[in-house]
PDB file of N, CA and C in Angstrom:
ATOM      1  N   MET A   1      -7.570  33.746 -46.082  1.00  0.00           N
ATOM      2  CA  MET A   1      -6.743  33.108 -45.081  1.00  0.00           C
ATOM      3  C   MET A   1      -7.269  33.488 -43.697  1.00  0.00           C
ATOM      4  N   VAL A   2      -7.402  32.515 -42.813  1.00  0.00           N
ATOM      5  CA  VAL A   2      -7.915  32.747 -41.463  1.00  0.00           C
ATOM      6  C   VAL A   2      -6.743  33.023 -40.535  1.00  0.00           C
ATOM      7  N   ASP A   3      -6.881  34.082 -39.779  1.00  0.00           N
ATOM      8  CA  ASP A   3      -5.842  34.429 -38.811  1.00  0.00           C
ATOM      9  C   ASP A   3      -5.993  33.523 -37.584  1.00  0.00           C
ATOM     10  N   ILE A   4      -4.920  32.934 -37.123  1.00  0.00           N
ATOM     11  CA  ILE A   4      -4.960  32.009 -35.986  1.00  0.00           C
ATOM     12  C   ILE A   4      -5.443  32.710 -34.722  1.00  0.00           C
ATOM     13  N   ASN A   5      -5.136  33.960 -34.569  1.00  0.00           N
ATOM     14  CA  ASN A   5      -5.546  34.698 -33.372  1.00  0.00           C
ATOM     15  C   ASN A   5      -7.046  34.965 -33.332  1.00  0.00           C
ATOM     16  N   GLN A   6      -7.741  34.840 -34.464  1.00  0.00           N
ATOM     17  CA  GLN A   6      -9.176  35.109 -34.524  1.00  0.00           C
ATOM     18  C   GLN A   6     -10.015  33.892 -34.114  1.00  0.00           C
ATOM     19  N   ILE A   7      -9.425  32.701 -34.110  1.00  0.00           N
ATOM     20  CA  ILE A   7     -10.158  31.483 -33.757  1.00  0.00           C
ATOM     21  C   ILE A   7     -10.350  31.452 -32.242  1.00  0.00           C
ATOM     22  N   PRO A   8     -11.610  31.290 -31.791  1.00  0.00           N
ATOM     23  CA  PRO A   8     -11.827  31.251 -30.335  1.00  0.00           C
ATOM     24  C   PRO A   8     -11.235  29.974 -29.734  1.00  0.00           C
ATOM     25  N   THR A   9     -10.630  30.105 -28.579  1.00  0.00           N
ATOM     26  CA  THR A   9     -10.033  28.950 -27.910  1.00  0.00           C
ATOM     27  C   THR A   9     -10.976  28.434 -26.835  1.00  0.00           C
ATOM     28  N   ARG A  10     -10.930  27.152 -26.619  1.00  0.00           N
ATOM     29  CA  ARG A  10     -11.753  26.540 -25.575  1.00  0.00           C
ATOM     30  C   ARG A  10     -11.084  26.721 -24.225  1.00  0.00           C
ATOM     31  N   ARG A  11     -11.914  26.922 -23.237  1.00  0.00           N
ATOM     32  CA  ARG A  11     -11.373  26.986 -21.883  1.00  0.00           C
ATOM     33  C   ARG A  11     -11.089  25.565 -21.411  1.00  0.00           C
ATOM     34  N   PRO A  12      -9.989  25.346 -20.757  1.00  0.00           N
ATOM     35  CA  PRO A  12      -9.676  23.982 -20.296  1.00  0.00           C
ATOM     36  C   PRO A  12     -10.666  23.530 -19.222  1.00  0.00           C
ATOM     37  N   PHE A  13     -11.001  22.256 -19.275  1.00  0.00           N
ATOM     38  CA  PHE A  13     -11.937  21.678 -18.313  1.00  0.00           C
ATOM     39  C   PHE A  13     -11.158  21.215 -17.089  1.00  0.00           C
ATOM     40  N   HIS A  14     -11.509  21.741 -15.938  1.00  0.00           N
ATOM     41  CA  HIS A  14     -10.842  21.353 -14.697  1.00  0.00           C
ATOM     42  C   HIS A  14     -11.795  20.519 -13.855  1.00  0.00           C
ATOM     43  N   ARG A  15     -11.417  19.268 -13.659  1.00  0.00           N
ATOM     44  CA  ARG A  15     -12.210  18.393 -12.812  1.00  0.00           C
ATOM     45  C   ARG A  15     -11.875  18.695 -11.361  1.00  0.00           C
ATOM     46  N   ARG A  16     -12.893  18.799 -10.528  1.00  0.00           N
ATOM     47  CA  ARG A  16     -12.673  19.115  -9.129  1.00  0.00           C
ATOM     48  C   ARG A  16     -12.018  17.939  -8.423  1.00  0.00           C
ATOM     49  N   ARG A  17     -11.019  18.205  -7.643  1.00  0.00           N
ATOM     50  CA  ARG A  17     -10.295  17.163  -6.918  1.00  0.00           C
ATOM     51  C   ARG A  17     -11.182  16.614  -5.808  1.00  0.00           C
ATOM     52  N   LYS A  18     -11.308  15.294  -5.761  1.00  0.00           N
ATOM     53  CA  LYS A  18     -12.099  14.677  -4.700  1.00  0.00           C
ATOM     54  C   LYS A  18     -11.337  14.760  -3.384  1.00  0.00           C
ATOM     55  N   THR A  19     -12.067  14.830  -2.295  1.00  0.00           N
ATOM     56  CA  THR A  19     -11.423  14.858  -0.988  1.00  0.00           C
ATOM     57  C   THR A  19     -11.476  13.463  -0.377  1.00  0.00           C
ATOM     58  N   CYS A  20     -10.524  13.198   0.473  1.00  0.00           N
ATOM     59  CA  CYS A  20     -10.430  11.892   1.119  1.00  0.00           C
ATOM     60  C   CYS A  20     -11.614  11.697   2.059  1.00  0.00           C
ATOM     61  N   PRO A  21     -12.330  10.576   1.954  1.00  0.00           N
ATOM     62  CA  PRO A  21     -13.474  10.345   2.836  1.00  0.00           C
ATOM     63  C   PRO A  21     -13.083  10.055   4.287  1.00  0.00           C
ATOM     64  N   PHE A  22     -11.806   9.789   4.545  1.00  0.00           N
ATOM     65  CA  PHE A  22     -11.361   9.476   5.900  1.00  0.00           C
ATOM     66  C   PHE A  22     -10.677  10.644   6.588  1.00  0.00           C
ATOM     67  N   SER A  23     -10.567  11.783   5.921  1.00  0.00           N
ATOM     68  CA  SER A  23      -9.993  12.957   6.563  1.00  0.00           C
ATOM     69  C   SER A  23     -11.110  13.956   6.823  1.00  0.00           C
ATOM     70  N   GLY A  24     -11.022  14.618   7.927  1.00  0.00           N
ATOM     71  CA  GLY A  24     -12.056  15.566   8.302  1.00  0.00           C
ATOM     72  C   GLY A  24     -12.487  15.349   9.734  1.00  0.00           C
ATOM     73  N   ALA A  25     -13.365  16.207  10.189  1.00  0.00           N
ATOM     74  CA  ALA A  25     -13.776  16.173  11.594  1.00  0.00           C
ATOM     75  C   ALA A  25     -14.608  14.932  11.925  1.00  0.00           C
ATOM     76  N   ASN A  26     -15.650  14.675  11.149  1.00  0.00           N
ATOM     77  CA  ASN A  26     -16.539  13.546  11.471  1.00  0.00           C
ATOM     78  C   ASN A  26     -16.331  12.379  10.501  1.00  0.00           C
ATOM     79  N   ALA A  27     -15.098  12.139  10.112  1.00  0.00           N
ATOM     80  CA  ALA A  27     -14.773  11.040   9.201  1.00  0.00           C
ATOM     81  C   ALA A  27     -14.777   9.713   9.965  1.00  0.00           C
ATOM     82  N   PRO A  28     -15.184   8.627   9.300  1.00  0.00           N
ATOM     83  CA  PRO A  28     -15.168   7.326   9.982  1.00  0.00           C
ATOM     84  C   PRO A  28     -13.738   6.837  10.206  1.00  0.00           C
ATOM     85  N   LYS A  29     -13.554   6.099  11.273  1.00  0.00           N
ATOM     86  CA  LYS A  29     -12.249   5.507  11.575  1.00  0.00           C
ATOM     87  C   LYS A  29     -12.119   4.187  10.811  1.00  0.00           C
ATOM     88  N   ILE A  30     -10.931   3.906  10.344  1.00  0.00           N
ATOM     89  CA  ILE A  30     -10.673   2.647   9.636  1.00  0.00           C
ATOM     90  C   ILE A  30     -10.420   1.571  10.678  1.00  0.00           C
ATOM     91  N   ASP A  31     -11.289   0.560  10.686  1.00  0.00           N
ATOM     92  CA  ASP A  31     -11.181  -0.518  11.661  1.00  0.00           C
ATOM     93  C   ASP A  31     -11.419  -1.843  10.941  1.00  0.00           C
ATOM     94  N   TYR A  32     -10.615  -2.846  11.234  1.00  0.00           N
ATOM     95  CA  TYR A  32     -10.741  -4.130  10.551  1.00  0.00           C
ATOM     96  C   TYR A  32     -12.040  -4.846  10.897  1.00  0.00           C
ATOM     97  N   LYS A  33     -12.684  -4.477  12.005  1.00  0.00           N
ATOM     98  CA  LYS A  33     -13.942  -5.113  12.398  1.00  0.00           C
ATOM     99  C   LYS A  33     -15.158  -4.499  11.707  1.00  0.00           C
ATOM    100  N   ASP A  34     -14.986  -3.322  11.103  1.00  0.00           N
ATOM    101  CA  ASP A  34     -16.083  -2.639  10.416  1.00  0.00           C
ATOM    102  C   ASP A  34     -16.165  -3.159   8.978  1.00  0.00           C
ATOM    103  N   VAL A  35     -16.785  -4.318   8.823  1.00  0.00           N
ATOM    104  CA  VAL A  35     -16.815  -5.010   7.539  1.00  0.00           C
ATOM    105  C   VAL A  35     -17.626  -4.224   6.509  1.00  0.00           C
ATOM    106  N   ARG A  36     -18.700  -3.594   6.928  1.00  0.00           N
ATOM    107  CA  ARG A  36     -19.549  -2.842   5.996  1.00  0.00           C
ATOM    108  C   ARG A  36     -18.768  -1.691   5.347  1.00  0.00           C
ATOM    109  N   LEU A  37     -17.949  -1.008   6.135  1.00  0.00           N
ATOM    110  CA  LEU A  37     -17.128   0.082   5.599  1.00  0.00           C
ATOM    111  C   LEU A  37     -16.056  -0.460   4.655  1.00  0.00           C
ATOM    112  N   LEU A  38     -15.420  -1.547   5.037  1.00  0.00           N
ATOM    113  CA  LEU A  38     -14.338  -2.112   4.227  1.00  0.00           C
ATOM    114  C   LEU A  38     -14.845  -2.658   2.893  1.00  0.00           C
ATOM    115  N   GLN A  39     -16.065  -3.175   2.870  1.00  0.00           N
ATOM    116  CA  GLN A  39     -16.611  -3.739   1.638  1.00  0.00           C
ATOM    117  C   GLN A  39     -16.820  -2.681   0.563  1.00  0.00           C
ATOM    118  N   ARG A  40     -16.959  -1.421   0.955  1.00  0.00           N
ATOM    119  CA  ARG A  40     -17.112  -0.341  -0.023  1.00  0.00           C
ATOM    120  C   ARG A  40     -15.829  -0.121  -0.817  1.00  0.00           C
ATOM    121  N   TYR A  41     -14.693  -0.572  -0.291  1.00  0.00           N
ATOM    122  CA  TYR A  41     -13.402  -0.361  -0.933  1.00  0.00           C
ATOM    123  C   TYR A  41     -12.829  -1.649  -1.506  1.00  0.00           C
ATOM    124  N   ILE A  42     -13.698  -2.633  -1.729  1.00  0.00           N
ATOM    125  CA  ILE A  42     -13.320  -3.893  -2.355  1.00  0.00           C
ATOM    126  C   ILE A  42     -14.184  -4.069  -3.596  1.00  0.00           C
ATOM    127  N   SER A  43     -13.569  -4.473  -4.714  1.00  0.00           N
ATOM    128  CA  SER A  43     -14.323  -4.667  -5.953  1.00  0.00           C
ATOM    129  C   SER A  43     -15.197  -5.914  -5.837  1.00  0.00           C
ATOM    130  N   GLU A  44     -16.055  -6.112  -6.835  1.00  0.00           N
ATOM    131  CA  GLU A  44     -16.937  -7.275  -6.811  1.00  0.00           C
ATOM    132  C   GLU A  44     -16.166  -8.579  -6.981  1.00  0.00           C
ATOM    133  N   ARG A  45     -14.918  -8.493  -7.426  1.00  0.00           N
ATOM    134  CA  ARG A  45     -14.063  -9.676  -7.536  1.00  0.00           C
ATOM    135  C   ARG A  45     -13.242  -9.908  -6.275  1.00  0.00           C
ATOM    136  N   GLY A  46     -13.303  -8.992  -5.324  1.00  0.00           N
ATOM    137  CA  GLY A  46     -12.589  -9.158  -4.075  1.00  0.00           C
ATOM    138  C   GLY A  46     -11.276  -8.415  -3.996  1.00  0.00           C
ATOM    139  N   LYS A  47     -10.959  -7.594  -4.997  1.00  0.00           N
ATOM    140  CA  LYS A  47      -9.699  -6.848  -5.000  1.00  0.00           C
ATOM    141  C   LYS A  47      -9.877  -5.504  -4.307  1.00  0.00           C
ATOM    142  N   ILE A  48      -8.794  -4.991  -3.751  1.00  0.00           N
ATOM    143  CA  ILE A  48      -8.808  -3.673  -3.125  1.00  0.00           C
ATOM    144  C   ILE A  48      -8.823  -2.623  -4.234  1.00  0.00           C
ATOM    145  N   VAL A  49      -9.792  -1.709  -4.166  1.00  0.00           N
ATOM    146  CA  VAL A  49      -9.944  -0.676  -5.197  1.00  0.00           C
ATOM    147  C   VAL A  49      -8.841   0.366  -5.012  1.00  0.00           C
ATOM    148  N   PRO A  50      -8.160   0.792  -6.094  1.00  0.00           N
ATOM    149  CA  PRO A  50      -7.063   1.756  -5.959  1.00  0.00           C
ATOM    150  C   PRO A  50      -7.533   3.137  -5.523  1.00  0.00           C
ATOM    151  N   SER A  51      -6.619   3.887  -4.928  1.00  0.00           N
ATOM    152  CA  SER A  51      -6.965   5.192  -4.363  1.00  0.00           C
ATOM    153  C   SER A  51      -7.285   6.226  -5.431  1.00  0.00           C
ATOM    154  N   ARG A  52      -6.816   6.047  -6.652  1.00  0.00           N
ATOM    155  CA  ARG A  52      -7.141   7.022  -7.698  1.00  0.00           C
ATOM    156  C   ARG A  52      -8.618   6.949  -8.078  1.00  0.00           C
ATOM    157  N   ILE A  53      -9.276   5.843  -7.769  1.00  0.00           N
ATOM    158  CA  ILE A  53     -10.707   5.704  -8.023  1.00  0.00           C
ATOM    159  C   ILE A  53     -11.511   6.128  -6.798  1.00  0.00           C
ATOM    160  N   THR A  54     -11.061   5.732  -5.609  1.00  0.00           N
ATOM    161  CA  THR A  54     -11.814   6.022  -4.389  1.00  0.00           C
ATOM    162  C   THR A  54     -11.480   7.367  -3.780  1.00  0.00           C
ATOM    163  N   ALA A  55     -10.410   8.019  -4.231  1.00  0.00           N
ATOM    164  CA  ALA A  55      -9.956   9.333  -3.734  1.00  0.00           C
ATOM    165  C   ALA A  55      -9.505   9.284  -2.280  1.00  0.00           C
ATOM    166  N   VAL A  56      -9.061   8.127  -1.818  1.00  0.00           N
ATOM    167  CA  VAL A  56      -8.527   7.999  -0.466  1.00  0.00           C
ATOM    168  C   VAL A  56      -7.071   8.463  -0.499  1.00  0.00           C
ATOM    169  N   SER A  57      -6.641   9.193   0.527  1.00  0.00           N
ATOM    170  CA  SER A  57      -5.266   9.690   0.568  1.00  0.00           C
ATOM    171  C   SER A  57      -4.289   8.518   0.699  1.00  0.00           C
ATOM    172  N   GLN A  58      -3.034   8.790   0.413  1.00  0.00           N
ATOM    173  CA  GLN A  58      -2.026   7.730   0.387  1.00  0.00           C
ATOM    174  C   GLN A  58      -1.858   7.071   1.756  1.00  0.00           C
ATOM    175  N   LYS A  59      -1.832   7.878   2.796  1.00  0.00           N
ATOM    176  CA  LYS A  59      -1.669   7.354   4.154  1.00  0.00           C
ATOM    177  C   LYS A  59      -2.870   6.509   4.561  1.00  0.00           C
ATOM    178  N   LYS A  60      -4.066   7.008   4.272  1.00  0.00           N
ATOM    179  CA  LYS A  60      -5.283   6.274   4.639  1.00  0.00           C
ATOM    180  C   LYS A  60      -5.475   5.038   3.770  1.00  0.00           C
ATOM    181  N   GLN A  61      -4.975   5.062   2.529  1.00  0.00           N
ATOM    182  CA  GLN A  61      -5.061   3.884   1.666  1.00  0.00           C
ATOM    183  C   GLN A  61      -4.223   2.746   2.238  1.00  0.00           C
ATOM    184  N   ARG A  62      -3.055   3.071   2.790  1.00  0.00           N
ATOM    185  CA  ARG A  62      -2.228   2.034   3.426  1.00  0.00           C
ATOM    186  C   ARG A  62      -2.940   1.462   4.648  1.00  0.00           C
ATOM    187  N   GLU A  63      -3.543   2.331   5.464  1.00  0.00           N
ATOM    188  CA  GLU A  63      -4.305   1.862   6.630  1.00  0.00           C
ATOM    189  C   GLU A  63      -5.470   0.988   6.193  1.00  0.00           C
ATOM    190  N   LEU A  64      -6.161   1.417   5.138  1.00  0.00           N
ATOM    191  CA  LEU A  64      -7.317   0.687   4.626  1.00  0.00           C
ATOM    192  C   LEU A  64      -6.902  -0.694   4.122  1.00  0.00           C
ATOM    193  N   ALA A  65      -5.803  -0.760   3.375  1.00  0.00           N
ATOM    194  CA  ALA A  65      -5.317  -2.040   2.852  1.00  0.00           C
ATOM    195  C   ALA A  65      -4.925  -2.974   3.989  1.00  0.00           C
ATOM    196  N   LYS A  66      -4.281  -2.421   5.005  1.00  0.00           N
ATOM    197  CA  LYS A  66      -3.880  -3.235   6.155  1.00  0.00           C
ATOM    198  C   LYS A  66      -5.106  -3.775   6.895  1.00  0.00           C
ATOM    199  N   ALA A  67      -6.136  -2.936   7.045  1.00  0.00           N
ATOM    200  CA  ALA A  67      -7.367  -3.360   7.721  1.00  0.00           C
ATOM    201  C   ALA A  67      -8.092  -4.427   6.906  1.00  0.00           C
ATOM    202  N   ILE A  68      -8.124  -4.271   5.585  1.00  0.00           N
ATOM    203  CA  ILE A  68      -8.771  -5.267   4.725  1.00  0.00           C
ATOM    204  C   ILE A  68      -8.030  -6.596   4.809  1.00  0.00           C
ATOM    205  N   LYS A  69      -6.709  -6.555   4.767  1.00  0.00           N
ATOM    206  CA  LYS A  69      -5.916  -7.784   4.846  1.00  0.00           C
ATOM    207  C   LYS A  69      -6.074  -8.462   6.201  1.00  0.00           C
ATOM    208  N   ARG A  70      -6.158  -7.675   7.257  1.00  0.00           N
ATOM    209  CA  ARG A  70      -6.361  -8.226   8.595  1.00  0.00           C
ATOM    210  C   ARG A  70      -7.742  -8.881   8.699  1.00  0.00           C
ATOM    211  N   ALA A  71      -8.765  -8.224   8.133  1.00  0.00           N
ATOM    212  CA  ALA A  71     -10.119  -8.783   8.155  1.00  0.00           C
ATOM    213  C   ALA A  71     -10.198 -10.060   7.322  1.00  0.00           C
ATOM    214  N   ARG A  72      -9.477 -10.110   6.226  1.00  0.00           N
ATOM    215  CA  ARG A  72      -9.435 -11.328   5.416  1.00  0.00           C
ATOM    216  C   ARG A  72      -8.788 -12.468   6.190  1.00  0.00           C
ATOM    217  N   PHE A  73      -7.692 -12.167   6.875  1.00  0.00           N
ATOM    218  CA  PHE A  73      -6.975 -13.190   7.637  1.00  0.00           C
ATOM    219  C   PHE A  73      -7.857 -13.767   8.742  1.00  0.00           C
ATOM    220  N   LEU A  74      -8.667 -12.923   9.366  1.00  0.00           N
ATOM    221  CA  LEU A  74      -9.548 -13.376  10.438  1.00  0.00           C
ATOM    222  C   LEU A  74     -10.846 -13.999   9.925  1.00  0.00           C
ATOM    223  N   GLY A  75     -11.051 -13.986   8.615  1.00  0.00           N
ATOM    224  CA  GLY A  75     -12.237 -14.606   8.040  1.00  0.00           C
ATOM    225  C   GLY A  75     -13.451 -13.702   8.003  1.00  0.00           C
ATOM    226  N   LEU A  76     -13.275 -12.414   8.246  1.00  0.00           N
ATOM    227  CA  LEU A  76     -14.404 -11.487   8.205  1.00  0.00           C
ATOM    228  C   LEU A  76     -14.740 -11.078   6.771  1.00  0.00           C
ATOM    229  N   LEU A  77     -13.735 -11.066   5.900  1.00  0.00           N
ATOM    230  CA  LEU A  77     -13.913 -10.726   4.483  1.00  0.00           C
ATOM    231  C   LEU A  77     -13.352 -11.858   3.633  1.00  0.00           C
ATOM    232  N   PRO A  78     -13.951 -12.101   2.462  1.00  0.00           N
ATOM    233  CA  PRO A  78     -13.404 -13.139   1.582  1.00  0.00           C
ATOM    234  C   PRO A  78     -12.173 -12.637   0.831  1.00  0.00           C
ATOM    235  N   TYR A  79     -11.278 -13.566   0.507  1.00  0.00           N
ATOM    236  CA  TYR A  79     -10.118 -13.211  -0.309  1.00  0.00           C
ATOM    237  C   TYR A  79     -10.543 -13.007  -1.759  1.00  0.00           C
ATOM    238  N   VAL A  80     -11.375 -13.916  -2.266  1.00  0.00           N
ATOM    239  CA  VAL A  80     -11.814 -13.881  -3.660  1.00  0.00           C
ATOM    240  C   VAL A  80     -13.314 -14.147  -3.699  1.00  0.00           C
ATOM    241  N   VAL A  81     -14.015 -13.430  -4.576  1.00  0.00           N
ATOM    242  CA  VAL A  81     -15.438 -13.676  -4.792  1.00  0.00           C
ATOM    243  C   VAL A  81     -15.579 -14.276  -6.174  1.00  0.00           C
ATOM    244  N   LYS A  82     -16.202 -15.437  -6.251  1.00  0.00           N
ATOM    245  CA  LYS A  82     -16.328 -16.107  -7.554  1.00  0.00           C
ATOM    246  C   LYS A  82     -17.667 -15.829  -8.172  1.00  0.00           C
TER     247      LYS A  82
END
């Protein structure tokens, strides 16, 4: 009979938490006219990528979404990519 206490246990794997790319000293400002920056946070289908994938903080994600929507309204970004 094998004693349960004798079986080696695995150490839990801890994934390092990503930091927000818009927080920090030399972080870029979110601006609706900066189309190149905004395109990094839009999927190839034209959807806004969620913050759990991009690691953007909740406050900055709202700013980013507002800037993307404003750029779409002005015709700087497409609504949908076919």
